[in-house]
C-alpha atoms as a PDB file:
ATOM      1  CA  UNK A   1      -5.039  -7.022 -18.825  1.00  0.00           C
ATOM      2  CA  UNK A   2      -2.427  -6.129 -21.466  1.00  0.00           C
ATOM      3  CA  UNK A   3       0.406  -7.122 -19.118  1.00  0.00           C
ATOM      4  CA  UNK A   4      -1.278 -10.484 -18.456  1.00  0.00           C
ATOM      5  CA  UNK A   5      -1.726 -11.207 -22.144  1.00  0.00           C
ATOM      6  CA  UNK A   6       1.860 -10.163 -22.916  1.00  0.00           C
ATOM      7  CA  UNK A   7       3.031 -12.871 -20.535  1.00  0.00           C
ATOM      8  CA  UNK A   8       0.932 -15.466 -22.346  1.00  0.00           C
ATOM      9  CA  UNK A   9      -1.391 -16.076 -19.415  1.00  0.00           C
ATOM     10  CA  UNK A  10      -5.082 -16.800 -19.729  1.00  0.00           C
ATOM     11  CA  UNK A  11      -7.354 -13.944 -18.678  1.00  0.00           C
ATOM     12  CA  UNK A  12     -10.948 -14.773 -17.698  1.00  0.00           C
ATOM     13  CA  UNK A  13     -12.827 -11.541 -16.836  1.00  0.00           C
ATOM     14  CA  UNK A  14     -15.732 -11.443 -14.376  1.00  0.00           C
ATOM     15  CA  UNK A  15     -17.714  -8.790 -16.217  1.00  0.00           C
ATOM     16  CA  UNK A  16     -20.462  -8.483 -13.607  1.00  0.00           C
ATOM     17  CA  UNK A  17     -18.015  -7.585 -10.879  1.00  0.00           C
ATOM     18  CA  UNK A  18     -18.181  -4.091  -9.370  1.00  0.00           C
ATOM     19  CA  UNK A  19     -15.990  -2.471  -6.726  1.00  0.00           C
ATOM     20  CA  UNK A  20     -18.870  -1.392  -4.474  1.00  0.00           C
ATOM     21  CA  UNK A  21     -21.252  -3.855  -2.819  1.00  0.00           C
ATOM     22  CA  UNK A  22     -23.961  -4.556  -5.380  1.00  0.00           C
ATOM     23  CA  UNK A  23     -26.809  -6.996  -6.156  1.00  0.00           C
ATOM     24  CA  UNK A  24     -24.664  -8.137  -9.088  1.00  0.00           C
ATOM     25  CA  UNK A  25     -22.313  -9.715  -6.526  1.00  0.00           C
ATOM     26  CA  UNK A  26     -24.545 -12.798  -6.657  1.00  0.00           C
ATOM     27  CA  UNK A  27     -23.968 -12.995 -10.400  1.00  0.00           C
ATOM     28  CA  UNK A  28     -20.226 -12.548  -9.881  1.00  0.00           C
ATOM     29  CA  UNK A  29     -20.236 -15.332  -7.305  1.00  0.00           C
ATOM     30  CA  UNK A  30     -22.000 -17.599  -9.776  1.00  0.00           C
ATOM     31  CA  UNK A  31     -19.430 -16.808 -12.469  1.00  0.00           C
ATOM     32  CA  UNK A  32     -16.510 -17.537 -10.139  1.00  0.00           C
ATOM     33  CA  UNK A  33     -18.097 -20.807  -8.994  1.00  0.00           C
ATOM     34  CA  UNK A  34     -18.677 -21.806 -12.623  1.00  0.00           C
ATOM     35  CA  UNK A  35     -15.025 -21.142 -13.514  1.00  0.00           C
ATOM     36  CA  UNK A  36     -13.774 -23.115 -10.501  1.00  0.00           C
ATOM     37  CA  UNK A  37     -15.926 -26.098 -11.426  1.00  0.00           C
ATOM     38  CA  UNK A  38     -15.143 -25.903 -15.135  1.00  0.00           C
ATOM     39  CA  UNK A  39     -11.366 -25.548 -14.885  1.00  0.00           C
ATOM     40  CA  UNK A  40     -10.779 -27.539 -11.663  1.00  0.00           C
ATOM     41  CA  UNK A  41      -7.901 -25.295 -10.594  1.00  0.00           C
ATOM     42  CA  UNK A  42      -5.208 -26.791  -8.386  1.00  0.00           C
ATOM     43  CA  UNK A  43      -4.824 -23.484  -6.532  1.00  0.00           C
ATOM     44  CA  UNK A  44      -7.095 -20.484  -6.137  1.00  0.00           C
ATOM     45  CA  UNK A  45      -5.273 -17.415  -4.825  1.00  0.00           C
ATOM     46  CA  UNK A  46      -7.491 -14.408  -4.138  1.00  0.00           C
ATOM     47  CA  UNK A  47      -6.696 -10.770  -3.385  1.00  0.00           C
ATOM     48  CA  UNK A  48      -8.745  -7.831  -2.079  1.00  0.00           C
ATOM     49  CA  UNK A  49     -11.671  -8.034   0.312  1.00  0.00           C
ATOM     50  CA  UNK A  50     -14.761  -8.655  -1.812  1.00  0.00           C
ATOM     51  CA  UNK A  51     -13.086 -10.857  -4.470  1.00  0.00           C
ATOM     52  CA  UNK A  52     -11.441 -12.678  -1.573  1.00  0.00           C
ATOM     53  CA  UNK A  53     -14.801 -13.377   0.077  1.00  0.00           C
ATOM     54  CA  UNK A  54     -16.613 -14.500  -3.079  1.00  0.00           C
ATOM     55  CA  UNK A  55     -13.611 -16.353  -4.485  1.00  0.00           C
ATOM     56  CA  UNK A  56     -12.792 -18.315  -1.341  1.00  0.00           C
ATOM     57  CA  UNK A  57     -16.379 -19.431  -0.757  1.00  0.00           C
ATOM     58  CA  UNK A  58     -16.771 -20.448  -4.398  1.00  0.00           C
ATOM     59  CA  UNK A  59     -13.447 -22.301  -4.392  1.00  0.00           C
ATOM     60  CA  UNK A  60     -14.379 -24.200  -1.217  1.00  0.00           C
ATOM     61  CA  UNK A  61     -17.753 -25.234  -2.664  1.00  0.00           C
ATOM     62  CA  UNK A  62     -16.009 -26.346  -5.876  1.00  0.00           C
ATOM     63  CA  UNK A  63     -13.561 -28.488  -3.901  1.00  0.00           C
ATOM     64  CA  UNK A  64     -10.373 -26.683  -4.952  1.00  0.00           C
ATOM     65  CA  UNK A  65      -7.414 -28.449  -3.240  1.00  0.00           C
ATOM     66  CA  UNK A  66      -5.554 -25.304  -2.099  1.00  0.00           C
ATOM     67  CA  UNK A  67      -7.130 -21.906  -1.379  1.00  0.00           C
ATOM     68  CA  UNK A  68      -4.896 -18.955  -0.499  1.00  0.00           C
ATOM     69  CA  UNK A  69      -5.813 -15.346   0.148  1.00  0.00           C
ATOM     70  CA  UNK A  70      -3.510 -12.317   0.380  1.00  0.00           C
ATOM     71  CA  UNK A  71      -4.698  -9.656   2.819  1.00  0.00           C
ATOM     72  CA  UNK A  72      -3.578  -6.233   1.599  1.00  0.00           C
ATOM     73  CA  UNK A  73      -5.250  -4.470   4.511  1.00  0.00           C
ATOM     74  CA  UNK A  74      -8.542  -5.435   6.151  1.00  0.00           C
ATOM     75  CA  UNK A  75     -12.016  -4.265   5.137  1.00  0.00           C
ATOM     76  CA  UNK A  76     -12.822  -3.309   8.730  1.00  0.00           C
ATOM     77  CA  UNK A  77     -11.233  -0.035   9.839  1.00  0.00           C
ATOM     78  CA  UNK A  78     -11.456   2.021  13.029  1.00  0.00           C
ATOM     79  CA  UNK A  79     -13.236   4.948  11.356  1.00  0.00           C
ATOM     80  CA  UNK A  80     -16.281   2.781  10.504  1.00  0.00           C
ATOM     81  CA  UNK A  81     -19.449   2.521  12.568  1.00  0.00           C
ATOM     82  CA  UNK A  82     -19.486  -0.413  15.045  1.00  0.00           C
ATOM     83  CA  UNK A  83     -22.147  -2.209  12.973  1.00  0.00           C
ATOM     84  CA  UNK A  84     -20.204  -1.930   9.709  1.00  0.00           C
ATOM     85  CA  UNK A  85     -16.926  -2.803  11.454  1.00  0.00           C
ATOM     86  CA  UNK A  86     -18.364  -5.962  13.007  1.00  0.00           C
ATOM     87  CA  UNK A  87     -20.144  -6.937   9.802  1.00  0.00           C
ATOM     88  CA  UNK A  88     -16.964  -6.792   7.739  1.00  0.00           C
ATOM     89  CA  UNK A  89     -15.086  -8.576  10.496  1.00  0.00           C
ATOM     90  CA  UNK A  90     -17.548 -11.488  10.496  1.00  0.00           C
ATOM     91  CA  UNK A  91     -17.416 -11.750   6.708  1.00  0.00           C
ATOM     92  CA  UNK A  92     -13.627 -11.953   6.918  1.00  0.00           C
ATOM     93  CA  UNK A  93     -13.909 -14.693   9.523  1.00  0.00           C
ATOM     94  CA  UNK A  94     -16.240 -16.640   7.223  1.00  0.00           C
ATOM     95  CA  UNK A  95     -13.871 -16.247   4.267  1.00  0.00           C
ATOM     96  CA  UNK A  96     -10.874 -17.297   6.375  1.00  0.00           C
ATOM     97  CA  UNK A  97     -12.765 -20.440   7.329  1.00  0.00           C
ATOM     98  CA  UNK A  98     -12.990 -21.292   3.623  1.00  0.00           C
ATOM     99  CA  UNK A  99      -9.292 -20.807   2.874  1.00  0.00           C
ATOM    100  CA  UNK A 100      -6.229 -22.862   3.742  1.00  0.00           C
ATOM    101  CA  UNK A 101      -3.906 -19.908   4.287  1.00  0.00           C
ATOM    102  CA  UNK A 102      -4.257 -16.162   4.725  1.00  0.00           C
ATOM    103  CA  UNK A 103      -1.140 -14.239   3.736  1.00  0.00           C
ATOM    104  CA  UNK A 104      -0.572 -10.932   5.527  1.00  0.00           C
ATOM    105  CA  UNK A 105       1.829  -8.435   3.971  1.00  0.00           C
ATOM    106  CA  UNK A 106       2.546  -6.953   7.392  1.00  0.00           C
ATOM    107  CA  UNK A 107       2.715  -8.486  10.835  1.00  0.00           C
ATOM    108  CA  UNK A 108       0.467  -5.953  12.604  1.00  0.00           C
ATOM    109  CA  UNK A 109      -2.652  -7.002  10.631  1.00  0.00           C
ATOM    110  CA  UNK A 110      -1.811 -10.656  11.283  1.00  0.00           C
ATOM    111  CA  UNK A 111      -1.610 -10.103  15.030  1.00  0.00           C
ATOM    112  CA  UNK A 112      -4.807  -8.052  15.002  1.00  0.00           C
ATOM    113  CA  UNK A 113      -6.772 -10.759  13.184  1.00  0.00           C
ATOM    114  CA  UNK A 114      -5.406 -13.444  15.508  1.00  0.00           C
ATOM    115  CA  UNK A 115      -6.381 -11.397  18.571  1.00  0.00           C
ATOM    116  CA  UNK A 116      -9.883 -10.937  17.161  1.00  0.00           C
ATOM    117  CA  UNK A 117     -10.170 -14.704  16.631  1.00  0.00           C
ATOM    118  CA  UNK A 118     -10.747 -14.412  12.884  1.00  0.00           C
ATOM    119  CA  UNK A 119      -8.553 -17.392  11.990  1.00  0.00           C
ATOM    120  CA  UNK A 120      -6.309 -19.977  13.664  1.00  0.00           C
ATOM    121  CA  UNK A 121      -2.594 -19.264  13.885  1.00  0.00           C
ATOM    122  CA  UNK A 122      -1.687 -22.177  11.603  1.00  0.00           C
ATOM    123  CA  UNK A 123      -3.488 -20.402   8.719  1.00  0.00           C
ATOM    124  CA  UNK A 124      -1.956 -16.941   9.317  1.00  0.00           C
ATOM    125  CA  UNK A 125       1.360 -16.244   7.570  1.00  0.00           C
ATOM    126  CA  UNK A 126       3.252 -12.979   7.133  1.00  0.00           C
ATOM    127  CA  UNK A 127       5.088 -12.442   3.851  1.00  0.00           C
ATOM    128  CA  UNK A 128       6.337  -8.899   3.321  1.00  0.00           C
ATOM    129  CA  UNK A 129       5.906  -7.221  -0.042  1.00  0.00           C
ATOM    130  CA  UNK A 130       9.133  -6.855  -1.990  1.00  0.00           C
ATOM    131  CA  UNK A 131      10.376  -5.495  -5.302  1.00  0.00           C
ATOM    132  CA  UNK A 132      12.449  -7.299  -7.903  1.00  0.00           C
ATOM    133  CA  UNK A 133      16.139  -6.333  -7.675  1.00  0.00           C
ATOM    134  CA  UNK A 134      16.112  -5.032 -11.261  1.00  0.00           C
ATOM    135  CA  UNK A 135      13.469  -2.387 -10.469  1.00  0.00           C
ATOM    136  CA  UNK A 136      15.205  -0.991  -7.387  1.00  0.00           C
ATOM    137  CA  UNK A 137      18.000   1.519  -7.451  1.00  0.00           C
ATOM    138  CA  UNK A 138      19.527   4.180  -5.246  1.00  0.00           C
ATOM    139  CA  UNK A 139      18.874   7.604  -6.726  1.00  0.00           C
ATOM    140  CA  UNK A 140      21.036   9.787  -4.492  1.00  0.00           C
ATOM    141  CA  UNK A 141      23.161  12.671  -5.698  1.00  0.00           C
ATOM    142  CA  UNK A 142      20.934  14.064  -8.462  1.00  0.00           C
ATOM    143  CA  UNK A 143      18.862  16.666  -6.612  1.00  0.00           C
ATOM    144  CA  UNK A 144      18.647  20.468  -6.665  1.00  0.00           C
ATOM    145  CA  UNK A 145      20.758  21.871  -3.800  1.00  0.00           C
ATOM    146  CA  UNK A 146      18.846  25.185  -3.845  1.00  0.00           C
ATOM    147  CA  UNK A 147      15.576  23.642  -2.705  1.00  0.00           C
ATOM    148  CA  UNK A 148      14.275  20.707  -0.699  1.00  0.00           C
ATOM    149  CA  UNK A 149      11.666  18.577  -2.458  1.00  0.00           C
ATOM    150  CA  UNK A 150       9.301  16.305  -0.576  1.00  0.00           C
ATOM    151  CA  UNK A 151       7.636  13.920  -2.984  1.00  0.00           C
ATOM    152  CA  UNK A 152       5.064  11.165  -3.095  1.00  0.00           C
ATOM    153  CA  UNK A 153       3.717   8.607  -5.526  1.00  0.00           C
ATOM    154  CA  UNK A 154       0.146   8.400  -4.380  1.00  0.00           C
ATOM    155  CA  UNK A 155      -3.467   7.649  -5.174  1.00  0.00           C
ATOM    156  CA  UNK A 156      -5.546  10.780  -4.589  1.00  0.00           C
ATOM    157  CA  UNK A 157      -8.081   9.049  -2.350  1.00  0.00           C
ATOM    158  CA  UNK A 158      -9.585   9.224   1.125  1.00  0.00           C
ATOM    159  CA  UNK A 159      -7.369   6.376   2.307  1.00  0.00           C
ATOM    160  CA  UNK A 160      -4.208   8.262   1.359  1.00  0.00           C
ATOM    161  CA  UNK A 161      -5.368  11.352   3.288  1.00  0.00           C
ATOM    162  CA  UNK A 162      -4.244  13.423   0.336  1.00  0.00           C
ATOM    163  CA  UNK A 163      -6.425  16.489   0.964  1.00  0.00           C
ATOM    164  CA  UNK A 164      -4.947  16.992   4.433  1.00  0.00           C
ATOM    165  CA  UNK A 165      -1.494  16.388   2.984  1.00  0.00           C
ATOM    166  CA  UNK A 166      -2.026  19.049   0.319  1.00  0.00           C
ATOM    167  CA  UNK A 167      -3.316  21.633   2.798  1.00  0.00           C
ATOM    168  CA  UNK A 168      -0.335  20.982   5.077  1.00  0.00           C
ATOM    169  CA  UNK A 169       2.067  21.279   2.132  1.00  0.00           C
ATOM    170  CA  UNK A 170       0.601  24.687   1.259  1.00  0.00           C
ATOM    171  CA  UNK A 171       1.069  25.922   4.806  1.00  0.00           C
ATOM    172  CA  UNK A 172       4.610  24.539   5.043  1.00  0.00           C
ATOM    173  CA  UNK A 173       5.618  26.186   1.756  1.00  0.00           C
ATOM    174  CA  UNK A 174       4.493  29.567   3.070  1.00  0.00           C
ATOM    175  CA  UNK A 175       6.604  29.080   6.190  1.00  0.00           C
ATOM    176  CA  UNK A 176       9.746  27.816   4.419  1.00  0.00           C
ATOM    177  CA  UNK A 177      10.800  29.293   1.068  1.00  0.00           C
ATOM    178  CA  UNK A 178      13.104  26.352   0.360  1.00  0.00           C
ATOM    179  CA  UNK A 179      10.334  23.736   0.376  1.00  0.00           C
ATOM    180  CA  UNK A 180       8.854  22.195  -2.757  1.00  0.00           C
ATOM    181  CA  UNK A 181       6.471  19.273  -3.214  1.00  0.00           C
ATOM    182  CA  UNK A 182       5.794  16.848  -6.051  1.00  0.00           C
ATOM    183  CA  UNK A 183       2.691  14.706  -5.551  1.00  0.00           C
ATOM    184  CA  UNK A 184       2.617  12.196  -8.379  1.00  0.00           C
ATOM    185  CA  UNK A 185      -0.611  10.328  -9.096  1.00  0.00           C
ATOM    186  CA  UNK A 186      -4.304  10.578  -9.837  1.00  0.00           C
ATOM    187  CA  UNK A 187      -7.636   9.744  -8.254  1.00  0.00           C
ATOM    188  CA  UNK A 188     -10.985  11.076  -7.121  1.00  0.00           C
ATOM    189  CA  UNK A 189      -9.495  13.947  -5.085  1.00  0.00           C
ATOM    190  CA  UNK A 190      -6.977  15.062  -7.711  1.00  0.00           C
ATOM    191  CA  UNK A 191      -8.935  18.063  -9.009  1.00  0.00           C
ATOM    192  CA  UNK A 192      -9.785  19.194  -5.474  1.00  0.00           C
ATOM    193  CA  UNK A 193      -6.119  19.113  -4.463  1.00  0.00           C
ATOM    194  CA  UNK A 194      -5.151  20.949  -7.614  1.00  0.00           C
ATOM    195  CA  UNK A 195      -7.721  23.648  -6.798  1.00  0.00           C
ATOM    196  CA  UNK A 196      -6.364  23.970  -3.241  1.00  0.00           C
ATOM    197  CA  UNK A 197      -2.830  24.486  -4.545  1.00  0.00           C
ATOM    198  CA  UNK A 198      -4.023  26.982  -7.150  1.00  0.00           C
ATOM    199  CA  UNK A 199      -6.007  28.959  -4.559  1.00  0.00           C
ATOM    200  CA  UNK A 200      -2.812  29.388  -2.520  1.00  0.00           C
ATOM    201  CA  UNK A 201      -0.908  30.433  -5.667  1.00  0.00           C
ATOM    202  CA  UNK A 202       1.638  27.686  -5.112  1.00  0.00           C
ATOM    203  CA  UNK A 203       1.387  25.789  -8.397  1.00  0.00           C
ATOM    204  CA  UNK A 204       5.095  26.390  -9.082  1.00  0.00           C
ATOM    205  CA  UNK A 205       6.153  24.887  -5.749  1.00  0.00           C
ATOM    206  CA  UNK A 206       3.555  22.165  -5.226  1.00  0.00           C
ATOM    207  CA  UNK A 207       3.538  20.237  -8.478  1.00  0.00           C
ATOM    208  CA  UNK A 208       0.810  17.721  -9.311  1.00  0.00           C
ATOM    209  CA  UNK A 209       1.943  16.101 -12.586  1.00  0.00           C
ATOM    210  CA  UNK A 210      -0.803  13.449 -12.651  1.00  0.00           C
ATOM    211  CA  UNK A 211      -0.289   9.748 -13.249  1.00  0.00           C
ATOM    212  CA  UNK A 212       3.031   8.330 -14.458  1.00  0.00           C
ATOM    213  CA  UNK A 213       3.778   4.606 -14.422  1.00  0.00           C
ATOM    214  CA  UNK A 214       7.530   5.265 -14.412  1.00  0.00           C
ATOM    215  CA  UNK A 215       8.371   6.712 -10.990  1.00  0.00           C
ATOM    216  CA  UNK A 216      12.161   6.276 -11.117  1.00  0.00           C
ATOM    217  CA  UNK A 217      12.906   9.659 -12.724  1.00  0.00           C
ATOM    218  CA  UNK A 218      10.723  11.356 -10.121  1.00  0.00           C
ATOM    219  CA  UNK A 219      12.391   9.628  -7.175  1.00  0.00           C
ATOM    220  CA  UNK A 220      15.694  11.049  -8.396  1.00  0.00           C
ATOM    221  CA  UNK A 221      14.517  14.620  -7.740  1.00  0.00           C
ATOM    222  CA  UNK A 222      12.961  13.912  -4.330  1.00  0.00           C
ATOM    223  CA  UNK A 223      14.905  14.737  -1.162  1.00  0.00           C
ATOM    224  CA  UNK A 224      12.366  12.948   1.054  1.00  0.00           C
ATOM    225  CA  UNK A 225       9.281  10.820   0.537  1.00  0.00           C
ATOM    226  CA  UNK A 226       5.934  11.239   2.286  1.00  0.00           C
ATOM    227  CA  UNK A 227       2.912   8.951   2.739  1.00  0.00           C
ATOM    228  CA  UNK A 228       0.376  10.224   5.274  1.00  0.00           C
ATOM    229  CA  UNK A 229      -2.248   7.495   4.814  1.00  0.00           C
ATOM    230  CA  UNK A 230      -5.131   6.767   7.165  1.00  0.00           C
ATOM    231  CA  UNK A 231      -4.501   3.041   6.756  1.00  0.00           C
ATOM    232  CA  UNK A 232      -2.118   0.841   4.777  1.00  0.00           C
ATOM    233  CA  UNK A 233      -1.103  -2.788   4.350  1.00  0.00           C
ATOM    234  CA  UNK A 234       2.542  -2.703   3.238  1.00  0.00           C
ATOM    235  CA  UNK A 235       2.939   0.177   0.760  1.00  0.00           C
ATOM    236  CA  UNK A 236       5.142  -0.522  -2.232  1.00  0.00           C
ATOM    237  CA  UNK A 237       5.610   3.235  -2.598  1.00  0.00           C
ATOM    238  CA  UNK A 238       7.546   3.426   0.676  1.00  0.00           C
ATOM    239  CA  UNK A 239       9.523   0.279  -0.137  1.00  0.00           C
ATOM    240  CA  UNK A 240      10.481   1.755  -3.508  1.00  0.00           C
ATOM    241  CA  UNK A 241      11.417   5.106  -1.956  1.00  0.00           C
ATOM    242  CA  UNK A 242      13.595   3.426   0.674  1.00  0.00           C
ATOM    243  CA  UNK A 243      15.395   1.441  -2.025  1.00  0.00           C
ATOM    244  CA  UNK A 244      16.023   4.790  -3.733  1.00  0.00           C
ATOM    245  CA  UNK A 245      17.781   6.052  -0.614  1.00  0.00           C
ATOM    246  CA  UNK A 246      15.061   8.460   0.483  1.00  0.00           C
ATOM    247  CA  UNK A 247      14.134   9.255   4.088  1.00  0.00           C
ATOM    248  CA  UNK A 248      10.449   8.681   4.834  1.00  0.00           C
ATOM    249  CA  UNK A 249       7.789  10.872   6.428  1.00  0.00           C
ATOM    250  CA  UNK A 250       4.960   8.492   7.300  1.00  0.00           C
ATOM    251  CA  UNK A 251       1.733   8.468   9.241  1.00  0.00           C
ATOM    252  CA  UNK A 252       2.104   6.833  12.629  1.00  0.00           C
ATOM    253  CA  UNK A 253       0.050   3.712  11.918  1.00  0.00           C
ATOM    254  CA  UNK A 254       1.034   0.082  12.673  1.00  0.00           C
ATOM    255  CA  UNK A 255       1.940  -1.079   9.176  1.00  0.00           C
ATOM    256  CA  UNK A 256       4.110   1.946   8.379  1.00  0.00           C
ATOM    257  CA  UNK A 257       5.827   1.601  11.764  1.00  0.00           C
ATOM    258  CA  UNK A 258       7.076  -1.793  10.553  1.00  0.00           C
ATOM    259  CA  UNK A 259       9.091   0.034   7.880  1.00  0.00           C
ATOM    260  CA  UNK A 260       9.802   3.450   9.350  1.00  0.00           C
ATOM    261  CA  UNK A 261      11.453   4.429  12.622  1.00  0.00           C
ATOM    262  CA  UNK A 262      13.608   7.338  13.799  1.00  0.00           C
ATOM    263  CA  UNK A 263      16.661   5.946  12.049  1.00  0.00           C
ATOM    264  CA  UNK A 264      15.128   6.186   8.562  1.00  0.00           C
ATOM    265  CA  UNK A 265      12.537   8.932   8.852  1.00  0.00           C
ATOM    266  CA  UNK A 266       9.774  10.566  10.835  1.00  0.00           C
ATOM    267  CA  UNK A 267       6.361   9.323  12.006  1.00  0.00           C
ATOM    268  CA  UNK A 268       3.509  11.827  12.301  1.00  0.00           C
ATOM    269  CA  UNK A 269       0.335  11.237  14.288  1.00  0.00           C
ATOM    270  CA  UNK A 270      -2.835  11.056  12.226  1.00  0.00           C
ATOM    271  CA  UNK A 271      -5.043  14.158  12.368  1.00  0.00           C
ATOM    272  CA  UNK A 272      -2.238  16.215  13.909  1.00  0.00           C
ATOM    273  CA  UNK A 273      -2.059  18.987  11.332  1.00  0.00           C
ATOM    274  CA  UNK A 274       0.425  21.116  13.255  1.00  0.00           C
ATOM    275  CA  UNK A 275       2.807  18.193  13.734  1.00  0.00           C
ATOM    276  CA  UNK A 276       2.625  17.363  10.029  1.00  0.00           C
ATOM    277  CA  UNK A 277       3.474  20.931   9.004  1.00  0.00           C
ATOM    278  CA  UNK A 278       6.279  21.293  11.559  1.00  0.00           C
ATOM    279  CA  UNK A 279       7.788  17.942  10.501  1.00  0.00           C
ATOM    280  CA  UNK A 280       7.869  19.052   6.860  1.00  0.00           C
ATOM    281  CA  UNK A 281       9.650  22.259   7.858  1.00  0.00           C
ATOM    282  CA  UNK A 282      12.092  20.489  10.191  1.00  0.00           C
ATOM    283  CA  UNK A 283      13.019  17.940   7.516  1.00  0.00           C
ATOM    284  CA  UNK A 284      13.748  20.666   4.963  1.00  0.00           C
ATOM    285  CA  UNK A 285      15.797  22.598   7.521  1.00  0.00           C
ATOM    286  CA  UNK A 286      18.252  19.716   7.955  1.00  0.00           C
ATOM    287  CA  UNK A 287      19.069  18.264   4.510  1.00  0.00           C
ATOM    288  CA  UNK A 288      22.249  16.566   5.715  1.00  0.00           C
ATOM    289  CA  UNK A 289      20.317  14.788   8.466  1.00  0.00           C
ATOM    290  CA  UNK A 290      17.672  13.753   5.934  1.00  0.00           C
ATOM    291  CA  UNK A 291      20.365  12.331   3.662  1.00  0.00           C
ATOM    292  CA  UNK A 292      21.772  10.230   6.509  1.00  0.00           C
ATOM    293  CA  UNK A 293      18.322   8.823   7.212  1.00  0.00           C
ATOM    294  CA  UNK A 294      17.933   8.051   3.497  1.00  0.00           C
ATOM    295  CA  UNK A 295      21.170   6.066   3.526  1.00  0.00           C
ATOM    296  CA  UNK A 296      19.916   4.126   6.540  1.00  0.00           C
ATOM    297  CA  UNK A 297      16.570   3.539   4.801  1.00  0.00           C
ATOM    298  CA  UNK A 298      18.272   1.888   1.816  1.00  0.00           C
ATOM    299  CA  UNK A 299      20.064  -0.496   4.166  1.00  0.00           C
ATOM    300  CA  UNK A 300      17.032  -1.276   6.308  1.00  0.00           C
ATOM    301  CA  UNK A 301      14.597  -2.063   3.495  1.00  0.00           C
ATOM    302  CA  UNK A 302      16.718  -4.923   2.141  1.00  0.00           C
ATOM    303  CA  UNK A 303      16.605  -6.543   5.564  1.00  0.00           C
ATOM    304  CA  UNK A 304      12.800  -6.318   5.827  1.00  0.00           C
ATOM    305  CA  UNK A 305      11.658  -6.641   2.249  1.00  0.00           C
ATOM    306  CA  UNK A 306      13.604  -9.314   0.360  1.00  0.00           C
ATOM    307  CA  UNK A 307      12.349 -10.419  -3.050  1.00  0.00           C
ATOM    308  CA  UNK A 308      13.875 -13.896  -3.020  1.00  0.00           C
ATOM    309  CA  UNK A 309      12.442 -14.578   0.448  1.00  0.00           C
ATOM    310  CA  UNK A 310       9.010 -13.469  -0.736  1.00  0.00           C
ATOM    311  CA  UNK A 311       9.094 -15.749  -3.786  1.00  0.00           C
ATOM    312  CA  UNK A 312      10.388 -18.699  -1.764  1.00  0.00           C
ATOM    313  CA  UNK A 313       7.676 -18.249   0.865  1.00  0.00           C
ATOM    314  CA  UNK A 314       4.876 -18.235  -1.733  1.00  0.00           C
ATOM    315  CA  UNK A 315       6.390 -21.224  -3.532  1.00  0.00           C
ATOM    316  CA  UNK A 316       6.525 -23.148  -0.264  1.00  0.00           C
ATOM    317  CA  UNK A 317       2.841 -22.504   0.316  1.00  0.00           C
ATOM    318  CA  UNK A 318       1.911 -23.590  -3.200  1.00  0.00           C
ATOM    319  CA  UNK A 319       3.973 -26.757  -2.803  1.00  0.00           C
ATOM    320  CA  UNK A 320       2.453 -27.554   0.585  1.00  0.00           C
ATOM    321  CA  UNK A 321       5.640 -27.245   2.612  1.00  0.00           C
ATOM    322  CA  UNK A 322       5.031 -26.826   6.327  1.00  0.00           C
ATOM    323  CA  UNK A 323       7.831 -24.276   6.784  1.00  0.00           C
ATOM    324  CA  UNK A 324       6.104 -21.681   4.523  1.00  0.00           C
END
């Protein structure tokens, strides 16, 4: 909110809104509909699953001329029960019907939704996430040669698979004295992960500093970056790490495969604990090879994730240009 107000934008909070599904969602829907009718917006652009559902339906009822939704990952995931999976899928199909365009930040989710028949192809557009040029920099050449540090900027949540990552890091550290880890972030599993590290007496080698909004100084001490998520859309953390010239260890899921291949890092199968540990050890055992992959990562990310292309694509959509 502070950042919005600093830019001089108007902030209209929906105070009844809750993250989890709740009876108050009906109140939130009413508030959104009221705002759409009162302000007669030219464009409504929604993000996230539940706000995207309520916002798109309300905007359509209010007669908003252009309704756009950005899909940062779908609400339906393979780990869910068939009933929940299909329910979320049908809600997404309903919301897509109410919008003019759905923006996917990776191409794999776009293709999946098209194959499932959740929206027509003319509404489905892929625009990759990108960072402003002034917030990207290569951070090579400032690391400790006596150790090999694998780092992450991460939310300590179920999605990010952080408990399994922490357990694997503990095992890898015991098998390779050179390895260190820095897992930067916070979340619901933070204290559990901290307890796991403490129980293995590895607090000096697996460092959990907590949340820090400025990740640049941390990237400068990483030798490799890891994100072992269960699912992702198009993670800014990997994009930022690649810009910093870091090789990437990623979970072998469709969206991460769009960024990471053998030339820039390593992909590890989900739920393959042994492969995860062995990859960590192998990466630390070949620092020169890791550095080469980091150099390739910095070159590849500018080809995939271009800030000017992202801005132009969104502007084209807002201006109604057919080549968006």
